[in-house]
N, C-alpha and C. Protein backbone atom coordinates (compact mmCIF):
# COMPACT_ATOMS: atom_id res chain seq x y z
N LYS A 1 67.74 150.97 81.39
CA LYS A 1 68.66 151.28 82.27
C LYS A 1 69.87 150.70 82.20
N LEU A 2 69.42 149.01 81.91
CA LEU A 2 70.71 147.94 81.59
C LEU A 2 71.33 148.58 80.50
N ASP A 3 70.74 148.86 79.60
CA ASP A 3 71.24 149.30 78.35
C ASP A 3 72.30 150.50 78.19
N GLU A 4 71.87 151.05 79.29
CA GLU A 4 72.54 152.44 79.36
C GLU A 4 73.68 152.01 80.08
N ASN A 5 73.66 151.30 81.10
CA ASN A 5 74.78 151.02 81.59
C ASN A 5 76.05 150.38 80.59
N PHE A 6 75.60 149.44 79.71
CA PHE A 6 76.52 148.59 78.95
C PHE A 6 76.80 149.55 77.77
N ASP A 7 76.32 150.88 77.65
CA ASP A 7 76.79 151.62 76.86
C ASP A 7 77.75 152.64 77.35
N ASP A 8 77.60 152.99 78.87
CA ASP A 8 78.59 153.42 79.33
C ASP A 8 79.99 152.54 79.49
N LEU A 9 79.86 151.20 79.63
CA LEU A 9 81.15 150.24 79.66
C LEU A 9 81.91 150.35 78.81
N TYR A 10 81.39 150.59 77.42
CA TYR A 10 81.76 150.27 76.48
C TYR A 10 82.37 151.57 75.17
N SER A 11 81.92 152.76 75.84
CA SER A 11 82.42 153.88 75.63
C SER A 11 83.26 154.28 75.62
N ASN A 12 83.92 153.84 77.14
CA ASN A 12 85.19 153.98 77.08
C ASN A 12 86.49 153.00 76.58
N SER A 13 87.15 153.11 75.89
CA SER A 13 87.68 152.07 75.06
C SER A 13 89.21 152.13 75.97
N ILE A 14 89.72 151.07 75.97
CA ILE A 14 91.29 150.47 76.69
C ILE A 14 92.23 150.18 75.46
N ASP A 15 93.21 150.99 75.40
CA ASP A 15 94.38 150.64 74.88
C ASP A 15 95.20 149.54 75.12
N CYS A 16 95.03 148.39 74.44
CA CYS A 16 95.75 146.89 74.81
C CYS A 16 96.80 146.99 74.04
N THR A 17 97.53 148.05 73.22
CA THR A 17 98.42 147.87 72.36
C THR A 17 99.73 147.81 72.84
N ASN A 18 99.96 147.73 74.19
CA ASN A 18 101.63 147.59 74.96
C ASN A 18 101.31 146.66 75.96
N VAL A 19 100.00 145.75 75.75
CA VAL A 19 99.86 145.11 76.64
C VAL A 19 100.16 143.53 76.33
N ILE A 20 100.97 142.72 76.57
CA ILE A 20 101.24 141.27 76.68
C ILE A 20 99.90 140.65 76.58
N MET A 21 99.05 140.09 75.62
CA MET A 21 97.94 139.22 75.99
C MET A 21 98.41 137.64 76.21
N SER A 22 98.07 137.04 77.03
CA SER A 22 98.15 135.70 77.18
C SER A 22 97.39 134.64 76.90
N SER A 23 97.71 133.45 76.22
CA SER A 23 96.38 132.55 75.97
C SER A 23 95.84 131.98 77.26
N GLY A 24 96.58 131.54 77.94
CA GLY A 24 96.57 130.82 79.36
C GLY A 24 97.40 129.64 79.13
N MET A 25 97.89 129.29 78.06
CA MET A 25 98.47 127.74 77.40
C MET A 25 99.82 127.87 77.47
N SER A 26 100.41 128.78 77.63
CA SER A 26 101.90 128.91 77.18
C SER A 26 102.21 128.53 78.61
N HIS A 27 102.35 128.64 79.76
CA HIS A 27 102.96 127.96 80.66
C HIS A 27 102.42 126.08 81.08
N VAL A 28 101.67 125.70 80.05
CA VAL A 28 101.19 124.57 80.24
C VAL A 28 102.12 123.39 79.19
N TYR A 29 103.42 122.74 79.95
CA TYR A 29 104.32 122.10 79.10
C TYR A 29 103.66 120.60 78.93
N SER A 30 103.45 120.05 77.61
CA SER A 30 103.05 118.78 77.64
C SER A 30 104.17 117.71 77.69
N ASN A 31 105.63 118.00 77.82
CA ASN A 31 106.53 117.17 77.72
C ASN A 31 106.41 116.52 78.82
N VAL A 32 105.85 117.01 80.17
CA VAL A 32 106.17 116.35 81.29
C VAL A 32 104.61 115.82 81.62
N LEU A 33 104.24 114.61 82.32
CA LEU A 33 103.29 113.77 82.25
C LEU A 33 102.81 113.89 83.73
N CYS A 34 101.37 113.78 83.95
CA CYS A 34 101.17 113.70 85.53
C CYS A 34 101.37 112.40 85.86
N ALA A 35 102.14 112.47 87.10
CA ALA A 35 102.65 111.02 87.52
C ALA A 35 101.38 110.09 88.02
N LEU A 36 100.24 110.89 88.26
CA LEU A 36 98.78 109.90 88.33
C LEU A 36 98.03 109.20 87.29
N CYS A 37 97.97 110.49 86.46
CA CYS A 37 97.05 110.29 85.37
C CYS A 37 97.64 110.02 84.06
N GLY A 38 98.56 110.39 84.01
CA GLY A 38 99.56 110.01 82.60
C GLY A 38 99.22 111.26 81.63
N ARG A 39 98.31 112.10 81.80
CA ARG A 39 98.04 113.01 80.67
C ARG A 39 98.99 114.37 80.56
N GLY A 40 99.57 115.23 79.44
CA GLY A 40 100.31 116.24 79.76
C GLY A 40 99.88 117.38 79.93
N ASP A 41 98.35 117.38 79.51
CA ASP A 41 97.71 118.82 79.51
C ASP A 41 97.49 119.07 80.46
N ARG A 42 96.99 120.21 81.14
CA ARG A 42 96.44 121.22 81.92
C ARG A 42 97.82 121.15 82.74
N VAL A 43 97.91 122.45 84.11
CA VAL A 43 98.54 123.03 84.52
C VAL A 43 99.12 122.10 85.98
N LYS A 44 100.62 121.29 85.87
CA LYS A 44 100.84 120.31 86.86
C LYS A 44 101.82 121.03 87.92
N MET A 45 102.03 120.48 88.97
CA MET A 45 102.90 120.93 89.89
C MET A 45 103.70 119.94 90.74
N GLY A 46 104.94 120.34 90.89
CA GLY A 46 106.22 118.81 91.06
C GLY A 46 105.77 119.08 93.05
N CYS A 47 106.80 118.19 93.77
CA CYS A 47 106.38 118.36 95.09
C CYS A 47 107.31 119.43 95.52
N HIS A 48 106.96 119.71 96.58
CA HIS A 48 107.30 121.13 97.26
C HIS A 48 108.91 121.01 98.05
N LYS A 49 108.92 119.94 98.31
CA LYS A 49 110.23 119.41 98.55
C LYS A 49 111.35 119.67 97.73
N LYS A 50 112.25 120.54 98.33
CA LYS A 50 113.51 120.98 97.26
C LYS A 50 114.16 119.72 97.01
N ASN A 51 114.45 119.30 95.39
CA ASN A 51 115.29 118.54 95.40
C ASN A 51 114.97 117.34 95.13
N CYS A 52 113.59 117.00 95.33
CA CYS A 52 112.67 116.01 95.54
C CYS A 52 112.78 114.95 94.12
N ALA A 53 113.38 114.19 94.27
CA ALA A 53 113.41 113.03 93.09
C ALA A 53 113.39 111.41 93.51
N HIS A 54 112.80 110.82 92.41
CA HIS A 54 112.51 109.64 93.09
C HIS A 54 113.82 108.45 92.23
N LYS A 55 114.54 108.26 93.23
CA LYS A 55 115.72 107.11 92.63
C LYS A 55 115.32 106.37 92.09
N GLY A 56 115.76 105.54 90.92
CA GLY A 56 116.11 104.35 90.18
C GLY A 56 117.02 104.26 89.59
N ASN A 57 116.92 103.81 88.11
CA ASN A 57 117.95 103.58 87.25
C ASN A 57 117.88 105.25 86.91
N SER A 58 117.22 106.19 86.94
CA SER A 58 117.80 107.42 86.49
C SER A 58 116.67 108.13 87.60
N PRO A 59 117.14 109.39 87.96
CA PRO A 59 116.00 110.39 89.16
C PRO A 59 114.86 110.73 88.12
N ILE A 60 113.52 110.62 88.77
CA ILE A 60 112.77 111.10 88.38
C ILE A 60 111.91 111.89 88.91
N ILE A 61 111.64 113.49 88.60
CA ILE A 61 110.67 114.07 89.36
C ILE A 61 109.52 114.06 88.78
N TYR A 62 108.61 113.89 90.22
CA TYR A 62 107.02 113.65 89.94
C TYR A 62 106.25 115.01 89.55
N GLU A 63 105.23 115.03 88.90
CA GLU A 63 104.62 116.25 88.74
C GLU A 63 103.10 115.69 88.90
N PHE A 64 102.34 116.65 89.19
CA PHE A 64 100.93 116.36 89.33
C PHE A 64 99.92 117.09 88.98
N HIS A 65 98.76 117.04 88.40
CA HIS A 65 97.79 117.83 88.25
C HIS A 65 96.73 118.03 89.83
N LEU A 66 96.63 119.18 90.25
CA LEU A 66 96.21 119.29 91.32
C LEU A 66 94.79 118.40 92.11
N THR A 67 94.10 118.24 90.87
CA THR A 67 92.73 117.67 91.20
C THR A 67 93.01 116.01 91.18
N CYS A 68 94.36 115.52 90.31
CA CYS A 68 94.57 114.07 90.47
C CYS A 68 95.37 113.99 91.89
N ALA A 69 96.09 114.86 92.38
CA ALA A 69 96.59 114.67 93.60
C ALA A 69 95.66 114.49 94.66
N ARG A 70 94.66 115.69 94.91
CA ARG A 70 93.74 115.50 95.70
C ARG A 70 93.15 114.17 95.87
N GLN A 71 92.57 113.67 94.88
CA GLN A 71 91.97 112.69 94.50
C GLN A 71 92.55 111.38 94.98
N ALA A 72 93.96 111.52 94.72
CA ALA A 72 94.62 110.22 94.98
C ALA A 72 94.95 110.25 96.51
N GLY A 73 94.81 111.57 97.35
CA GLY A 73 94.95 111.67 98.56
C GLY A 73 96.30 112.13 98.66
N LEU A 74 96.91 112.83 98.07
CA LEU A 74 97.94 113.49 97.84
C LEU A 74 98.07 114.19 99.03
N GLU A 75 98.95 114.82 99.43
CA GLU A 75 99.10 116.23 100.66
C GLU A 75 98.56 117.61 99.77
N VAL A 76 97.68 118.31 99.54
CA VAL A 76 97.85 119.57 98.69
C VAL A 76 97.06 120.62 99.76
N THR A 77 97.73 121.74 99.70
CA THR A 77 97.70 122.55 100.79
C THR A 77 97.33 124.15 99.95
N ASP A 78 96.57 125.01 100.12
CA ASP A 78 96.56 126.35 99.36
C ASP A 78 96.50 127.27 100.41
N VAL A 79 97.43 128.38 100.48
CA VAL A 79 97.38 129.27 101.46
C VAL A 79 97.34 130.90 100.37
N GLU A 80 96.47 131.67 100.83
CA GLU A 80 96.04 132.82 100.58
C GLU A 80 96.98 134.05 101.05
N ALA A 81 97.51 134.68 100.09
CA ALA A 81 98.70 135.52 100.62
C ALA A 81 98.11 137.09 99.60
N ASN A 82 98.11 138.08 100.05
CA ASN A 82 98.38 139.02 98.96
C ASN A 82 97.22 139.32 97.73
N GLY A 83 96.08 138.47 98.39
CA GLY A 83 94.88 138.29 97.12
C GLY A 83 95.36 137.07 96.13
N ASN A 84 96.40 136.34 96.52
CA ASN A 84 96.79 135.38 95.29
C ASN A 84 96.57 134.10 96.53
N LEU A 85 95.86 133.00 95.81
CA LEU A 85 96.10 131.87 96.46
C LEU A 85 97.05 130.57 95.71
N ASP A 86 98.07 130.27 96.82
CA ASP A 86 99.35 129.70 96.12
C ASP A 86 98.95 128.21 96.83
N PHE A 87 99.20 127.31 96.23
CA PHE A 87 98.72 125.87 96.01
C PHE A 87 100.38 125.02 96.33
N THR A 88 100.52 124.07 96.86
CA THR A 88 101.67 123.17 97.20
C THR A 88 101.55 121.99 96.92
N VAL A 89 102.22 120.81 96.89
CA VAL A 89 101.93 119.76 96.55
C VAL A 89 103.01 118.75 97.28
N ALA A 90 102.56 117.51 98.16
CA ALA A 90 103.40 116.95 98.36
C ALA A 90 103.44 115.71 97.88
N CYS A 91 104.63 114.86 97.39
CA CYS A 91 104.49 113.62 96.63
C CYS A 91 104.41 112.45 97.79
N PHE A 92 104.15 111.43 97.51
CA PHE A 92 104.04 110.20 98.11
C PHE A 92 104.97 110.20 99.47
N ARG A 93 106.11 110.45 98.97
CA ARG A 93 107.06 110.26 99.96
C ARG A 93 107.16 111.30 100.99
N HIS A 94 106.91 112.31 100.58
CA HIS A 94 107.19 113.96 101.02
C HIS A 94 105.61 114.36 102.34
N SER A 95 104.84 113.46 101.84
CA SER A 95 103.09 113.79 102.32
C SER A 95 103.63 113.68 103.78
N SER A 96 102.38 114.30 104.78
CA SER A 96 102.86 114.31 106.13
C SER A 96 102.12 113.14 106.67
N CYS A 97 102.38 112.85 107.86
CA CYS A 97 101.71 111.55 108.58
C CYS A 97 100.26 110.93 108.45
N ASN A 98 99.66 112.61 108.39
CA ASN A 98 98.48 112.71 108.54
C ASN A 98 97.82 112.47 107.22
N SER A 99 97.99 112.39 106.12
CA SER A 99 97.70 112.40 104.93
C SER A 99 97.75 110.78 104.12
N VAL A 100 98.54 109.93 104.93
CA VAL A 100 98.81 108.46 104.09
C VAL A 100 97.35 108.17 104.48
N LEU A 101 97.07 107.16 103.67
CA LEU A 101 95.60 106.16 103.52
C LEU A 101 95.68 105.30 104.94
N ARG A 102 96.89 104.78 106.00
CA ARG A 102 96.29 104.32 106.79
C ARG A 102 95.67 105.15 107.86
N ALA A 103 96.35 106.48 107.68
CA ALA A 103 95.74 107.67 108.66
C ALA A 103 94.35 108.06 108.67
N ARG A 104 93.92 108.04 107.55
CA ARG A 104 92.96 108.15 107.04
C ARG A 104 91.84 107.33 107.55
N LEU A 105 92.17 105.97 107.38
CA LEU A 105 91.16 105.19 107.95
C LEU A 105 91.03 104.94 108.95
N GLU A 106 92.27 105.22 110.05
CA GLU A 106 92.52 105.47 111.44
C GLU A 106 91.02 106.75 112.02
N ASP A 107 91.02 107.54 111.15
CA ASP A 107 90.28 108.77 111.24
C ASP A 107 88.92 108.18 110.95
N PHE A 108 88.59 107.22 109.89
CA PHE A 108 87.16 106.97 110.00
C PHE A 108 86.81 106.08 110.85
N LEU A 109 87.43 105.34 111.70
CA LEU A 109 87.35 104.40 112.73
C LEU A 109 87.18 105.43 113.80
N GLU A 110 87.95 106.23 114.04
CA GLU A 110 87.61 107.19 115.20
C GLU A 110 86.11 108.02 115.23
N ILE A 111 86.00 108.29 113.92
CA ILE A 111 84.32 108.93 114.00
C ILE A 111 83.45 108.03 114.81
N GLU A 112 83.60 106.91 114.72
CA GLU A 112 82.80 105.62 115.20
C GLU A 112 83.02 105.51 116.68
N ARG A 113 84.16 105.68 116.95
CA ARG A 113 84.39 105.19 118.12
C ARG A 113 83.94 106.58 119.36
N ASP A 114 84.40 107.81 118.60
CA ASP A 114 84.03 108.77 119.75
C ASP A 114 81.96 108.87 119.83
N ARG A 115 81.25 108.53 118.52
CA ARG A 115 79.85 108.35 118.85
C ARG A 115 79.78 107.31 119.64
N LEU A 116 80.41 106.17 119.98
CA LEU A 116 79.97 105.14 120.73
C LEU A 116 80.35 105.70 122.37
N ALA A 117 81.37 106.34 122.39
CA ALA A 117 81.86 107.15 123.96
C ALA A 117 81.06 107.75 123.96
N LYS A 118 80.51 108.77 123.26
CA LYS A 118 79.51 109.70 123.72
C LYS A 118 78.11 109.03 124.03
N LYS A 119 77.54 107.64 123.52
CA LYS A 119 76.30 106.91 124.18
C LYS A 119 76.73 106.13 125.32
N GLY A 120 78.19 106.06 125.79
CA GLY A 120 78.30 105.23 126.82
C GLY A 120 78.96 103.87 126.63
N LEU A 121 79.18 103.79 124.88
CA LEU A 121 79.19 102.20 124.97
C LEU A 121 80.52 101.63 124.52
N ASP A 122 80.77 100.41 124.56
CA ASP A 122 82.19 100.28 124.31
C ASP A 122 82.89 101.00 123.27
N LYS A 123 84.11 101.27 122.79
CA LYS A 123 84.51 101.65 121.45
C LYS A 123 85.08 100.69 120.64
N ASP A 124 85.12 99.26 121.19
CA ASP A 124 85.25 98.39 120.00
C ASP A 124 84.03 97.74 119.65
N SER A 125 83.05 97.78 120.08
CA SER A 125 81.78 97.61 119.70
C SER A 125 81.48 98.13 118.50
N LEU A 126 82.14 98.61 117.16
CA LEU A 126 81.72 99.34 116.09
C LEU A 126 80.27 98.83 115.96
N GLY A 127 79.30 99.86 115.19
CA GLY A 127 77.83 99.77 114.78
C GLY A 127 76.82 99.53 115.76
N ALA A 128 77.37 99.47 116.97
CA ALA A 128 76.16 99.22 117.64
C ALA A 128 75.67 100.44 118.31
N GLY A 129 74.39 100.41 118.64
CA GLY A 129 73.31 101.70 119.15
C GLY A 129 72.74 102.35 117.68
N THR A 130 72.02 103.16 118.05
CA THR A 130 71.23 103.86 116.75
C THR A 130 72.29 105.13 116.32
N LEU A 131 72.48 105.33 115.27
CA LEU A 131 72.88 106.03 114.30
C LEU A 131 72.10 107.14 113.87
N SER A 132 72.77 108.44 114.35
CA SER A 132 71.67 109.69 114.31
C SER A 132 72.24 110.34 112.94
N LEU A 133 71.77 111.27 112.07
CA LEU A 133 71.86 111.69 110.96
C LEU A 133 73.12 112.32 110.63
N ALA A 134 73.78 113.15 111.93
CA ALA A 134 75.11 113.99 111.75
C ALA A 134 76.31 112.79 111.72
N PRO A 135 76.58 112.03 112.77
CA PRO A 135 77.30 111.08 112.22
C PRO A 135 77.45 110.29 111.26
N ALA A 136 76.29 109.99 111.04
CA ALA A 136 76.06 109.02 109.79
C ALA A 136 76.58 109.81 108.55
N CYS A 137 76.27 111.26 108.21
CA CYS A 137 76.72 112.10 107.31
C CYS A 137 78.44 112.38 107.34
N LYS A 138 78.71 112.23 108.16
CA LYS A 138 80.10 112.07 108.60
C LYS A 138 81.28 111.37 107.93
N LEU A 139 80.14 109.79 108.89
CA LEU A 139 80.68 108.71 108.15
C LEU A 139 80.74 107.90 106.48
N PHE A 140 79.84 108.87 106.10
CA PHE A 140 79.48 108.27 104.44
C PHE A 140 80.38 109.56 103.58
N HIS A 141 80.67 110.54 104.13
CA HIS A 141 81.49 111.64 103.48
C HIS A 141 82.80 111.13 103.74
N THR A 142 83.21 110.70 104.86
CA THR A 142 84.72 110.22 104.72
C THR A 142 84.86 108.88 104.20
N ALA A 143 84.07 107.83 104.06
CA ALA A 143 83.99 107.26 103.37
C ALA A 143 84.20 106.77 101.81
N VAL A 144 83.59 107.86 101.37
CA VAL A 144 83.60 108.39 99.74
C VAL A 144 84.70 108.96 99.50
N SER A 145 85.31 110.03 100.17
CA SER A 145 86.89 110.43 100.08
C SER A 145 87.94 109.06 100.29
N ILE A 146 87.82 108.11 100.86
CA ILE A 146 88.84 107.06 101.19
C ILE A 146 88.73 106.12 100.17
N LEU A 147 87.15 105.95 99.42
CA LEU A 147 87.18 105.12 98.31
C LEU A 147 87.48 105.84 97.24
N ALA A 148 87.82 106.93 97.02
CA ALA A 148 88.08 107.97 96.12
C ALA A 148 89.52 107.72 95.75
N ILE A 149 90.22 107.59 97.38
CA ILE A 149 91.96 107.00 97.05
C ILE A 149 92.17 105.66 96.75
N PHE A 150 91.01 104.73 97.24
CA PHE A 150 91.33 103.31 96.42
C PHE A 150 91.28 103.53 95.24
N GLY A 151 90.27 104.43 94.68
CA GLY A 151 90.42 104.39 92.95
C GLY A 151 91.73 104.40 92.60
N TRP A 152 92.65 105.13 93.18
CA TRP A 152 94.29 105.30 92.43
C TRP A 152 95.02 104.43 93.05
N ALA A 153 94.78 103.45 93.56
CA ALA A 153 95.42 102.15 94.25
C ALA A 153 96.43 101.58 93.42
N TRP A 154 95.97 101.62 91.92
CA TRP A 154 97.06 100.83 91.14
C TRP A 154 98.43 102.02 90.95
N ARG A 155 98.27 103.09 91.43
CA ARG A 155 99.47 103.56 90.92
C ARG A 155 100.04 103.98 92.25
N TRP A 156 99.19 104.05 93.37
CA TRP A 156 100.08 104.44 94.79
C TRP A 156 100.65 103.07 95.63
N ALA A 157 99.85 102.14 94.85
CA ALA A 157 100.34 100.83 95.51
C ALA A 157 101.71 100.49 95.05
N GLU A 158 102.20 101.20 93.70
CA GLU A 158 103.73 100.72 93.54
C GLU A 158 104.61 101.51 94.59
N TRP A 159 104.29 103.15 94.73
CA TRP A 159 105.09 103.71 95.64
C TRP A 159 105.16 103.15 96.90
N TRP A 160 103.82 102.68 97.30
CA TRP A 160 103.80 101.96 98.69
C TRP A 160 104.69 100.68 98.88
N VAL A 161 105.02 99.88 97.91
CA VAL A 161 105.74 98.79 98.15
C VAL A 161 107.11 99.03 98.04
N GLU A 162 107.67 100.22 97.07
CA GLU A 162 108.87 100.72 97.03
C GLU A 162 109.21 101.35 98.18
N LEU A 163 108.62 102.29 98.57
CA LEU A 163 108.82 103.26 100.07
C LEU A 163 108.40 102.79 101.15
N GLY A 164 107.69 101.86 101.12
CA GLY A 164 106.68 102.12 102.46
C GLY A 164 105.55 103.51 102.79
N ASP A 165 105.52 103.70 104.16
CA ASP A 165 104.87 104.86 104.31
C ASP A 165 105.27 105.47 105.83
N ASN A 166 104.95 106.80 106.03
CA ASN A 166 105.06 107.44 106.88
C ASN A 166 104.08 107.75 107.61
N TRP A 167 103.27 106.38 108.14
CA TRP A 167 102.34 106.49 109.01
C TRP A 167 102.95 106.84 110.60
N GLU A 168 102.25 107.41 111.45
CA GLU A 168 102.95 107.55 112.87
C GLU A 168 101.56 106.82 113.57
N PRO A 169 101.79 106.70 114.88
CA PRO A 169 100.68 106.07 115.68
C PRO A 169 99.64 106.92 116.01
N LEU A 170 98.30 106.84 116.45
CA LEU A 170 97.56 107.94 116.77
C LEU A 170 97.76 108.00 118.25
N LEU A 171 98.27 109.26 118.64
CA LEU A 171 98.12 109.20 120.44
C LEU A 171 97.24 110.08 120.99
N GLU A 172 97.20 109.93 122.03
CA GLU A 172 95.93 111.06 122.87
C GLU A 172 97.04 111.91 123.49
N GLU A 173 96.03 113.09 123.76
CA GLU A 173 97.10 113.79 124.75
C GLU A 173 97.42 113.63 125.79
N GLY A 174 99.21 113.57 126.01
CA GLY A 174 100.03 113.34 127.24
C GLY A 174 100.18 111.91 126.97
N GLN A 175 100.15 111.14 125.75
CA GLN A 175 100.91 109.95 125.59
C GLN A 175 102.06 109.67 125.04
N LYS A 176 102.70 109.07 125.37
CA LYS A 176 104.11 109.05 125.04
C LYS A 176 104.26 107.49 123.94
N GLU A 177 105.00 107.47 122.93
CA GLU A 177 105.24 106.49 122.28
C GLU A 177 106.08 105.51 123.02
N GLU A 178 106.91 105.86 123.71
CA GLU A 178 107.95 104.87 124.00
C GLU A 178 107.18 104.07 125.40
N ASP A 179 105.89 104.13 125.93
CA ASP A 179 105.31 103.61 127.03
C ASP A 179 104.31 102.65 126.40
N PHE A 180 104.34 102.37 125.11
CA PHE A 180 103.47 101.20 124.50
C PHE A 180 104.25 100.30 123.80
N THR A 181 103.76 99.19 123.45
CA THR A 181 104.56 98.24 122.63
C THR A 181 103.74 98.41 121.06
N LYS A 182 104.71 97.51 120.55
CA LYS A 182 104.54 97.66 118.73
C LYS A 182 103.34 97.44 118.35
N GLU A 183 102.84 96.23 119.29
CA GLU A 183 101.31 95.64 118.86
C GLU A 183 100.38 96.87 120.04
N GLU A 184 100.46 97.50 120.45
CA GLU A 184 99.27 98.24 121.08
C GLU A 184 99.37 99.46 120.06
N LEU A 185 100.57 100.21 119.66
CA LEU A 185 100.80 101.35 118.89
C LEU A 185 100.20 100.94 117.46
N LYS A 186 99.84 99.60 117.10
CA LYS A 186 99.84 99.17 115.53
C LYS A 186 100.76 99.27 114.50
N ILE A 187 102.07 99.18 115.07
CA ILE A 187 103.21 99.06 114.35
C ILE A 187 103.72 97.84 113.51
N VAL A 188 103.56 98.06 112.00
CA VAL A 188 103.64 96.65 111.60
C VAL A 188 105.27 96.92 110.64
N ASP A 189 106.29 96.07 111.30
CA ASP A 189 107.11 95.97 110.36
C ASP A 189 107.21 95.38 109.08
N SER A 190 107.77 96.36 108.25
CA SER A 190 107.35 95.35 106.79
C SER A 190 108.76 95.96 106.24
N THR A 191 109.03 94.77 104.67
CA THR A 191 110.07 94.81 104.30
C THR A 191 109.43 95.11 102.60
N LYS A 192 110.20 95.66 101.59
CA LYS A 192 109.72 95.71 100.12
C LYS A 192 108.73 94.23 99.68
N GLU A 193 109.15 93.26 100.14
CA GLU A 193 109.04 91.84 99.76
C GLU A 193 107.75 91.72 100.37
N SER A 194 107.60 91.94 101.86
CA SER A 194 106.13 91.57 102.27
C SER A 194 105.17 92.58 102.10
N ARG A 195 105.78 93.76 101.56
CA ARG A 195 104.43 94.68 101.01
C ARG A 195 103.97 94.56 99.56
N CYS A 196 104.84 93.81 98.85
CA CYS A 196 105.01 93.28 97.54
C CYS A 196 103.76 92.17 97.45
N ALA A 197 104.08 91.68 98.35
CA ALA A 197 102.86 90.11 98.77
C ALA A 197 101.89 90.59 99.19
N ASP A 198 101.51 91.65 100.00
CA ASP A 198 100.39 92.16 100.64
C ASP A 198 99.54 92.79 99.70
N ALA A 199 100.31 93.66 98.68
CA ALA A 199 99.71 94.18 97.94
C ALA A 199 99.17 93.35 96.92
N ARG A 200 99.58 92.16 96.48
CA ARG A 200 99.29 91.27 95.47
C ARG A 200 97.95 90.50 96.27
N LYS A 201 98.40 90.03 97.60
CA LYS A 201 96.89 89.45 98.46
C LYS A 201 95.78 90.18 98.13
N CYS A 202 96.19 91.72 98.54
CA CYS A 202 94.95 92.63 98.41
C CYS A 202 94.42 92.92 97.33
N ARG A 203 94.97 92.32 96.00
CA ARG A 203 94.66 92.73 94.83
C ARG A 203 94.36 94.55 94.48
N LEU A 204 95.53 95.01 95.20
CA LEU A 204 95.34 96.37 95.43
C LEU A 204 94.93 97.01 93.80
N ALA A 205 95.76 96.75 92.51
CA ALA A 205 95.89 97.32 91.63
C ALA A 205 94.16 96.98 90.76
N ALA A 206 93.85 95.89 91.24
CA ALA A 206 92.44 95.38 90.51
C ALA A 206 91.48 96.12 91.55
N LEU A 207 91.79 96.09 92.32
CA LEU A 207 90.58 96.91 93.49
C LEU A 207 90.48 98.44 92.89
N GLY A 208 91.55 99.29 92.57
CA GLY A 208 91.57 100.61 92.22
C GLY A 208 90.84 100.80 90.83
N ALA A 209 91.49 99.52 89.85
CA ALA A 209 90.78 99.74 88.70
C ALA A 209 89.17 99.61 88.47
N ALA A 210 88.81 98.76 89.38
CA ALA A 210 87.22 98.46 89.45
C ALA A 210 86.62 99.47 89.98
N LEU A 211 87.24 100.47 90.95
CA LEU A 211 86.60 101.44 91.50
C LEU A 211 86.29 102.40 90.44
N ARG A 212 87.52 102.71 89.76
CA ARG A 212 87.66 103.73 88.76
C ARG A 212 86.66 103.74 87.71
N ASN A 213 86.36 102.36 87.03
CA ASN A 213 85.67 101.93 86.60
C ASN A 213 84.04 102.22 86.49
N ARG A 214 84.03 102.24 87.88
CA ARG A 214 82.30 102.97 88.16
C ARG A 214 82.10 104.34 88.81
């Protein structure tokens, strides 16, 4: 019966003489390199922000592989419309405040604080009490995603030193930023020089290289 189905399938030939066949490689341009991994193969996408270019001695337009951008913690979104899946990428400068590494670290700590609050424990006593399977899995997977981002630290550390970040304080519903001090909001004033010193002190590039080699 299976053989009969195959016979029916191939008995109706299709005329492809007027069809332009694509190799799938014509739209892959190798003269532009991924700003993260440095390779020119596969499809790359630029920042969704119109006229985005990083100023220096000459304007640079960064493009990324989607997989590299996801691993490095850049903002990658996908929207399905009319049966097609459209992707957009935001560069380090134009990623939303929820996508920056500091926000992800705060979200990681918030998982533990929520667990402690449900047990009636002090939110600052991280690691206290017994840890059930569900929060343990959530903490583990969040930690793995953060480590993956740290694996690209050698690259985005340069952007962070040059541009800073667009992290915003985490506020509860009804709270207003103007009602808190900078210390309470964990806002740290920095300059390019101070960020450079911090990056060297934390050895971000060495940490990223070590993680990628694992």
